[in-house]
PDB file of N, CA and C in Angstrom:
ATOM      1  N   MET A   1       0.325  -1.461   0.431  1.00  0.00           N
ATOM      2  CA  MET A   1       0.127  -0.100   0.049  1.00  0.00           C
ATOM      3  C   MET A   1       0.999   0.925   0.164  1.00  0.00           C
ATOM      4  N   GLN A   2       2.263   0.966   1.252  1.00  0.00           N
ATOM      5  CA  GLN A   2       2.782   2.381   1.121  1.00  0.00           C
ATOM      6  C   GLN A   2       3.492   2.983  -0.920  1.00  0.00           C
ATOM      7  N   ARG A   3       4.270   1.798  -0.936  1.00  0.00           N
ATOM      8  CA  ARG A   3       4.846   1.761  -2.632  1.00  0.00           C
ATOM      9  C   ARG A   3       3.736   2.950  -3.455  1.00  0.00           C
ATOM     10  N   ALA A   4       2.299   2.219  -3.690  1.00  0.00           N
ATOM     11  CA  ALA A   4       1.189   2.192  -4.439  1.00  0.00           C
ATOM     12  C   ALA A   4       1.011   3.707  -4.304  1.00  0.00           C
ATOM     13  N   LEU A   5       1.242   4.152  -2.819  1.00  0.00           N
ATOM     14  CA  LEU A   5       0.493   5.870  -2.829  1.00  0.00           C
ATOM     15  C   LEU A   5       1.965   6.342  -3.309  1.00  0.00           C
ATOM     16  N   ILE A   6       2.663   5.425  -3.108  1.00  0.00           N
ATOM     17  CA  ILE A   6       4.275   6.558  -3.263  1.00  0.00           C
ATOM     18  C   ILE A   6       4.225   6.758  -4.820  1.00  0.00           C
ATOM     19  N   VAL A   7       3.691   6.136  -4.839  1.00  0.00           N
ATOM     20  CA  VAL A   7       3.726   5.637  -7.151  1.00  0.00           C
ATOM     21  C   VAL A   7       2.510   6.900  -7.862  1.00  0.00           C
ATOM     22  N   LEU A   8       1.721   6.667  -6.740  1.00  0.00           N
ATOM     23  CA  LEU A   8       0.209   7.438  -7.474  1.00  0.00           C
ATOM     24  C   LEU A   8       0.895   9.251  -6.385  1.00  0.00           C
ATOM     25  N   GLY A   9       1.846   9.663  -6.169  1.00  0.00           N
ATOM     26  CA  GLY A   9       1.560  10.709  -5.381  1.00  0.00           C
ATOM     27  C   GLY A   9       3.351  11.494  -6.792  1.00  0.00           C
ATOM     28  N   LEU A  10       4.008  10.910  -6.825  1.00  0.00           N
ATOM     29  CA  LEU A  10       4.472  10.395  -7.991  1.00  0.00           C
ATOM     30  C   LEU A  10       4.158  10.805  -9.349  1.00  0.00           C
ATOM     31  N   THR A  11       3.079  10.559  -9.991  1.00  0.00           N
ATOM     32  CA  THR A  11       2.701  10.426 -10.727  1.00  0.00           C
ATOM     33  C   THR A  11       1.432  12.017 -10.895  1.00  0.00           C
ATOM     34  N   ALA A  12       1.395  12.217  -9.410  1.00  0.00           N
ATOM     35  CA  ALA A  12       0.207  13.830  -9.671  1.00  0.00           C
ATOM     36  C   ALA A  12       0.941  14.240  -9.451  1.00  0.00           C
ATOM     37  N   LEU A  13       2.861  14.850  -9.791  1.00  0.00           N
ATOM     38  CA  LEU A  13       3.329  15.595  -9.234  1.00  0.00           C
ATOM     39  C   LEU A  13       4.223  15.781 -10.852  1.00  0.00           C
ATOM     40  N   LEU A  14       4.501  14.937 -11.190  1.00  0.00           N
ATOM     41  CA  LEU A  14       4.840  14.692 -13.483  1.00  0.00           C
ATOM     42  C   LEU A  14       3.422  15.701 -13.322  1.00  0.00           C
ATOM     43  N   ILE A  15       2.627  14.637 -12.989  1.00  0.00           N
ATOM     44  CA  ILE A  15       1.630  16.187 -13.670  1.00  0.00           C
ATOM     45  C   ILE A  15       1.337  17.159 -14.093  1.00  0.00           C
ATOM     46  N   GLY A  16       1.569  17.578 -12.495  1.00  0.00           N
ATOM     47  CA  GLY A  16       1.506  18.792 -12.080  1.00  0.00           C
ATOM     48  C   GLY A  16       2.794  19.428 -12.928  1.00  0.00           C
ATOM     49  N   LEU A  17       3.442  18.897 -12.482  1.00  0.00           N
ATOM     50  CA  LEU A  17       5.159  19.344 -13.218  1.00  0.00           C
ATOM     51  C   LEU A  17       4.581  20.082 -15.098  1.00  0.00           C
ATOM     52  N   PHE A  18       4.872  18.789 -15.760  1.00  0.00           N
ATOM     53  CA  PHE A  18       4.856  18.957 -16.548  1.00  0.00           C
ATOM     54  C   PHE A  18       3.426  18.971 -17.641  1.00  0.00           C
ATOM     55  N   TRP A  19       2.003  19.633 -17.119  1.00  0.00           N
ATOM     56  CA  TRP A  19       1.116  20.157 -16.872  1.00  0.00           C
ATOM     57  C   TRP A  19       0.924  20.762 -18.175  1.00  0.00           C
ATOM     58  N   PRO A  20       2.057  22.192 -17.836  1.00  0.00           N
ATOM     59  CA  PRO A  20       1.438  23.074 -19.743  1.00  0.00           C
ATOM     60  C   PRO A  20       2.377  21.883 -20.985  1.00  0.00           C
ATOM     61  N   TRP A  21       3.028  21.504 -20.844  1.00  0.00           N
ATOM     62  CA  TRP A  21       3.163  20.525 -22.869  1.00  0.00           C
ATOM     63  C   TRP A  21       1.709  19.496 -22.440  1.00  0.00           C
ATOM     64  N   LEU A  22       1.702  18.402 -21.247  1.00  0.00           N
ATOM     65  CA  LEU A  22       0.523  17.810 -21.552  1.00  0.00           C
ATOM     66  C   LEU A  22      -1.151  18.010 -22.334  1.00  0.00           C
ATOM     67  N   ALA A  23      -0.742  18.958 -21.535  1.00  0.00           N
ATOM     68  CA  ALA A  23      -2.356  20.295 -21.955  1.00  0.00           C
ATOM     69  C   ALA A  23      -2.589  20.254 -23.820  1.00  0.00           C
ATOM     70  N   ARG A  24      -1.485  20.018 -23.955  1.00  0.00           N
ATOM     71  CA  ARG A  24      -1.371  20.353 -25.733  1.00  0.00           C
ATOM     72  C   ARG A  24      -1.783  19.042 -26.620  1.00  0.00           C
ATOM     73  N   LEU A  25      -1.440  18.312 -25.774  1.00  0.00           N
ATOM     74  CA  LEU A  25      -2.184  17.193 -26.185  1.00  0.00           C
ATOM     75  C   LEU A  25      -3.318  16.847 -26.796  1.00  0.00           C
ATOM     76  N   PRO A  26      -3.681  16.654 -28.228  1.00  0.00           N
ATOM     77  CA  PRO A  26      -4.769  16.119 -28.255  1.00  0.00           C
ATOM     78  C   PRO A  26      -5.928  14.812 -27.521  1.00  0.00           C
ATOM     79  N   LEU A  27      -5.151  14.330 -26.027  1.00  0.00           N
ATOM     80  CA  LEU A  27      -6.381  14.152 -26.461  1.00  0.00           C
ATOM     81  C   LEU A  27      -7.708  14.611 -25.200  1.00  0.00           C
ATOM     82  N   GLY A  28      -8.885  14.113 -25.276  1.00  0.00           N
ATOM     83  CA  GLY A  28      -9.951  15.003 -25.116  1.00  0.00           C
ATOM     84  C   GLY A  28     -10.520  15.066 -27.115  1.00  0.00           C
ATOM     85  N   ARG A  29      -9.980  15.199 -27.412  1.00  0.00           N
ATOM     86  CA  ARG A  29     -10.218  14.908 -29.136  1.00  0.00           C
ATOM     87  C   ARG A  29      -9.692  14.436 -29.514  1.00  0.00           C
ATOM     88  N   LEU A  30      -9.872  13.467 -29.785  1.00  0.00           N
ATOM     89  CA  LEU A  30      -9.614  11.967 -30.925  1.00  0.00           C
ATOM     90  C   LEU A  30     -10.543  11.670 -30.999  1.00  0.00           C
ATOM     91  N   PRO A  31     -10.368  11.158 -33.270  1.00  0.00           N
ATOM     92  CA  PRO A  31     -11.628  10.266 -33.725  1.00  0.00           C
ATOM     93  C   PRO A  31     -11.843   9.394 -32.878  1.00  0.00           C
ATOM     94  N   GLY A  32     -13.317   9.050 -33.013  1.00  0.00           N
ATOM     95  CA  GLY A  32     -13.912   7.679 -31.650  1.00  0.00           C
ATOM     96  C   GLY A  32     -14.045   9.420 -30.344  1.00  0.00           C
ATOM     97  N   ASP A  33     -14.425   9.997 -29.941  1.00  0.00           N
ATOM     98  CA  ASP A  33     -14.384  11.168 -29.211  1.00  0.00           C
ATOM     99  C   ASP A  33     -16.097  11.361 -29.405  1.00  0.00           C
ATOM    100  N   PHE A  34     -16.378  11.382 -28.711  1.00  0.00           N
ATOM    101  CA  PHE A  34     -18.378  11.720 -28.953  1.00  0.00           C
ATOM    102  C   PHE A  34     -18.361  12.711 -28.380  1.00  0.00           C
ATOM    103  N   PHE A  35     -18.840  14.164 -29.043  1.00  0.00           N
ATOM    104  CA  PHE A  35     -19.267  14.395 -28.860  1.00  0.00           C
ATOM    105  C   PHE A  35     -21.132  15.323 -29.270  1.00  0.00           C
ATOM    106  N   ILE A  36     -22.117  15.285 -29.022  1.00  0.00           N
ATOM    107  CA  ILE A  36     -22.911  16.040 -29.348  1.00  0.00           C
ATOM    108  C   ILE A  36     -23.992  16.731 -28.540  1.00  0.00           C
ATOM    109  N   VAL A  37     -24.356  17.886 -30.222  1.00  0.00           N
ATOM    110  CA  VAL A  37     -25.198  18.947 -29.735  1.00  0.00           C
ATOM    111  C   VAL A  37     -26.190  19.176 -29.664  1.00  0.00           C
ATOM    112  N   ARG A  38     -27.095  19.010 -29.248  1.00  0.00           N
ATOM    113  CA  ARG A  38     -28.621  19.445 -29.326  1.00  0.00           C
ATOM    114  C   ARG A  38     -28.706  20.656 -28.788  1.00  0.00           C
ATOM    115  N   GLU A  39     -30.322  20.858 -29.027  1.00  0.00           N
ATOM    116  CA  GLU A  39     -31.113  22.285 -28.846  1.00  0.00           C
ATOM    117  C   GLU A  39     -31.466  21.884 -26.634  1.00  0.00           C
ATOM    118  N   ASN A  40     -31.322  22.178 -25.701  1.00  0.00           N
ATOM    119  CA  ASN A  40     -30.562  22.285 -24.289  1.00  0.00           C
ATOM    120  C   ASN A  40     -29.632  20.786 -24.281  1.00  0.00           C
ATOM    121  N   PHE A  41     -29.294  19.952 -25.192  1.00  0.00           N
ATOM    122  CA  PHE A  41     -28.257  18.993 -25.145  1.00  0.00           C
ATOM    123  C   PHE A  41     -27.118  18.858 -25.408  1.00  0.00           C
ATOM    124  N   ARG A  42     -26.272  18.683 -24.757  1.00  0.00           N
ATOM    125  CA  ARG A  42     -25.001  17.895 -24.767  1.00  0.00           C
ATOM    126  C   ARG A  42     -24.424  16.899 -24.553  1.00  0.00           C
ATOM    127  N   LEU A  43     -24.475  16.773 -24.559  1.00  0.00           N
ATOM    128  CA  LEU A  43     -22.933  15.076 -24.701  1.00  0.00           C
ATOM    129  C   LEU A  43     -22.479  15.251 -25.176  1.00  0.00           C
ATOM    130  N   TYR A  44     -20.160  14.993 -24.365  1.00  0.00           N
ATOM    131  CA  TYR A  44     -19.229  14.204 -24.477  1.00  0.00           C
ATOM    132  C   TYR A  44     -18.835  12.827 -24.258  1.00  0.00           C
ATOM    133  N   PHE A  45     -18.977  11.834 -25.079  1.00  0.00           N
ATOM    134  CA  PHE A  45     -17.994  10.815 -24.570  1.00  0.00           C
ATOM    135  C   PHE A  45     -17.174  10.844 -25.121  1.00  0.00           C
ATOM    136  N   PRO A  46     -15.706  10.488 -24.418  1.00  0.00           N
ATOM    137  CA  PRO A  46     -14.813  10.686 -24.620  1.00  0.00           C
ATOM    138  C   PRO A  46     -13.616   8.641 -24.556  1.00  0.00           C
ATOM    139  N   LEU A  47     -14.715   8.194 -25.688  1.00  0.00           N
ATOM    140  CA  LEU A  47     -14.277   6.406 -26.227  1.00  0.00           C
ATOM    141  C   LEU A  47     -13.312   6.526 -25.922  1.00  0.00           C
ATOM    142  N   THR A  48     -12.012   7.311 -27.826  1.00  0.00           N
ATOM    143  CA  THR A  48     -10.327   6.990 -28.146  1.00  0.00           C
ATOM    144  C   THR A  48     -10.097   7.452 -26.377  1.00  0.00           C
ATOM    145  N   THR A  49     -10.273   8.494 -26.341  1.00  0.00           N
ATOM    146  CA  THR A  49      -9.116   9.241 -25.111  1.00  0.00           C
ATOM    147  C   THR A  49      -9.184   7.522 -23.853  1.00  0.00           C
ATOM    148  N   GLY A  50     -10.234   7.695 -23.258  1.00  0.00           N
ATOM    149  CA  GLY A  50     -10.108   6.778 -22.188  1.00  0.00           C
ATOM    150  C   GLY A  50      -9.668   5.770 -22.371  1.00  0.00           C
ATOM    151  N   LEU A  51     -10.060   4.725 -24.018  1.00  0.00           N
ATOM    152  CA  LEU A  51      -9.487   3.713 -23.825  1.00  0.00           C
ATOM    153  C   LEU A  51      -8.023   3.641 -24.483  1.00  0.00           C
ATOM    154  N   LEU A  52      -7.744   5.223 -24.603  1.00  0.00           N
ATOM    155  CA  LEU A  52      -6.362   5.366 -24.521  1.00  0.00           C
ATOM    156  C   LEU A  52      -5.576   5.144 -22.909  1.00  0.00           C
ATOM    157  N   LEU A  53      -6.584   5.319 -22.527  1.00  0.00           N
ATOM    158  CA  LEU A  53      -6.264   6.037 -21.081  1.00  0.00           C
ATOM    159  C   LEU A  53      -6.409   4.864 -20.635  1.00  0.00           C
ATOM    160  N   SER A  54      -6.584   3.467 -20.749  1.00  0.00           N
ATOM    161  CA  SER A  54      -6.809   2.757 -19.650  1.00  0.00           C
ATOM    162  C   SER A  54      -6.124   1.723 -20.714  1.00  0.00           C
ATOM    163  N   LEU A  55      -5.407   1.671 -22.078  1.00  0.00           N
ATOM    164  CA  LEU A  55      -4.234   0.668 -22.021  1.00  0.00           C
ATOM    165  C   LEU A  55      -3.156   1.047 -21.079  1.00  0.00           C
ATOM    166  N   ALA A  56      -2.741   2.901 -21.371  1.00  0.00           N
ATOM    167  CA  ALA A  56      -1.439   3.249 -20.666  1.00  0.00           C
ATOM    168  C   ALA A  56      -1.625   2.771 -18.800  1.00  0.00           C
ATOM    169  N   LEU A  57      -2.328   2.982 -18.516  1.00  0.00           N
ATOM    170  CA  LEU A  57      -2.255   2.824 -16.973  1.00  0.00           C
ATOM    171  C   LEU A  57      -2.601   1.639 -16.951  1.00  0.00           C
ATOM    172  N   THR A  58      -2.484   0.829 -17.473  1.00  0.00           N
ATOM    173  CA  THR A  58      -2.677  -0.952 -17.833  1.00  0.00           C
ATOM    174  C   THR A  58      -1.440  -1.497 -18.020  1.00  0.00           C
ATOM    175  N   LEU A  59      -0.774  -0.431 -18.684  1.00  0.00           N
ATOM    176  CA  LEU A  59       0.779  -1.155 -18.464  1.00  0.00           C
ATOM    177  C   LEU A  59       1.445  -0.830 -18.162  1.00  0.00           C
ATOM    178  N   LEU A  60       1.135   0.468 -17.607  1.00  0.00           N
ATOM    179  CA  LEU A  60       2.607   0.963 -16.622  1.00  0.00           C
ATOM    180  C   LEU A  60       2.416   0.391 -15.450  1.00  0.00           C
ATOM    181  N   LEU A  61       0.703   0.056 -14.702  1.00  0.00           N
ATOM    182  CA  LEU A  61       0.359  -1.069 -14.187  1.00  0.00           C
ATOM    183  C   LEU A  61       1.112  -1.898 -13.647  1.00  0.00           C
ATOM    184  N   TRP A  62       1.373  -3.106 -15.218  1.00  0.00           N
ATOM    185  CA  TRP A  62       2.365  -4.653 -15.634  1.00  0.00           C
ATOM    186  C   TRP A  62       3.657  -4.461 -15.098  1.00  0.00           C
ATOM    187  N   LEU A  63       3.363  -2.595 -15.696  1.00  0.00           N
ATOM    188  CA  LEU A  63       5.281  -2.908 -15.030  1.00  0.00           C
ATOM    189  C   LEU A  63       6.397  -2.292 -13.540  1.00  0.00           C
ATOM    190  N   LEU A  64       4.986  -2.544 -12.917  1.00  0.00           N
ATOM    191  CA  LEU A  64       5.048  -1.974 -12.101  1.00  0.00           C
ATOM    192  C   LEU A  64       5.473  -2.809 -11.422  1.00  0.00           C
ATOM    193  N   ARG A  65       4.549  -3.886 -11.597  1.00  0.00           N
ATOM    194  CA  ARG A  65       3.970  -5.245 -10.922  1.00  0.00           C
ATOM    195  C   ARG A  65       5.818  -5.591 -10.796  1.00  0.00           C
ATOM    196  N   LYS A  66       6.491  -6.088 -12.237  1.00  0.00           N
ATOM    197  CA  LYS A  66       7.368  -6.437 -12.179  1.00  0.00           C
ATOM    198  C   LYS A  66       8.503  -6.681 -11.310  1.00  0.00           C
TER     199      LYS A  66
END
């Protein structure tokens, strides 16, 4: 548990430090991210972004367990 909290804290620190550059990535605006606008209704469903982030986190956790 301690190791997981340390890794989580370091990850949050790195994301905070690199945020100006990370904000320029096209995450959230990828093909496959659905944005539906109707009168009095907006739906944003980041399908592709969610899949890519899930894959990246899965690989990261898999590598940390080895």
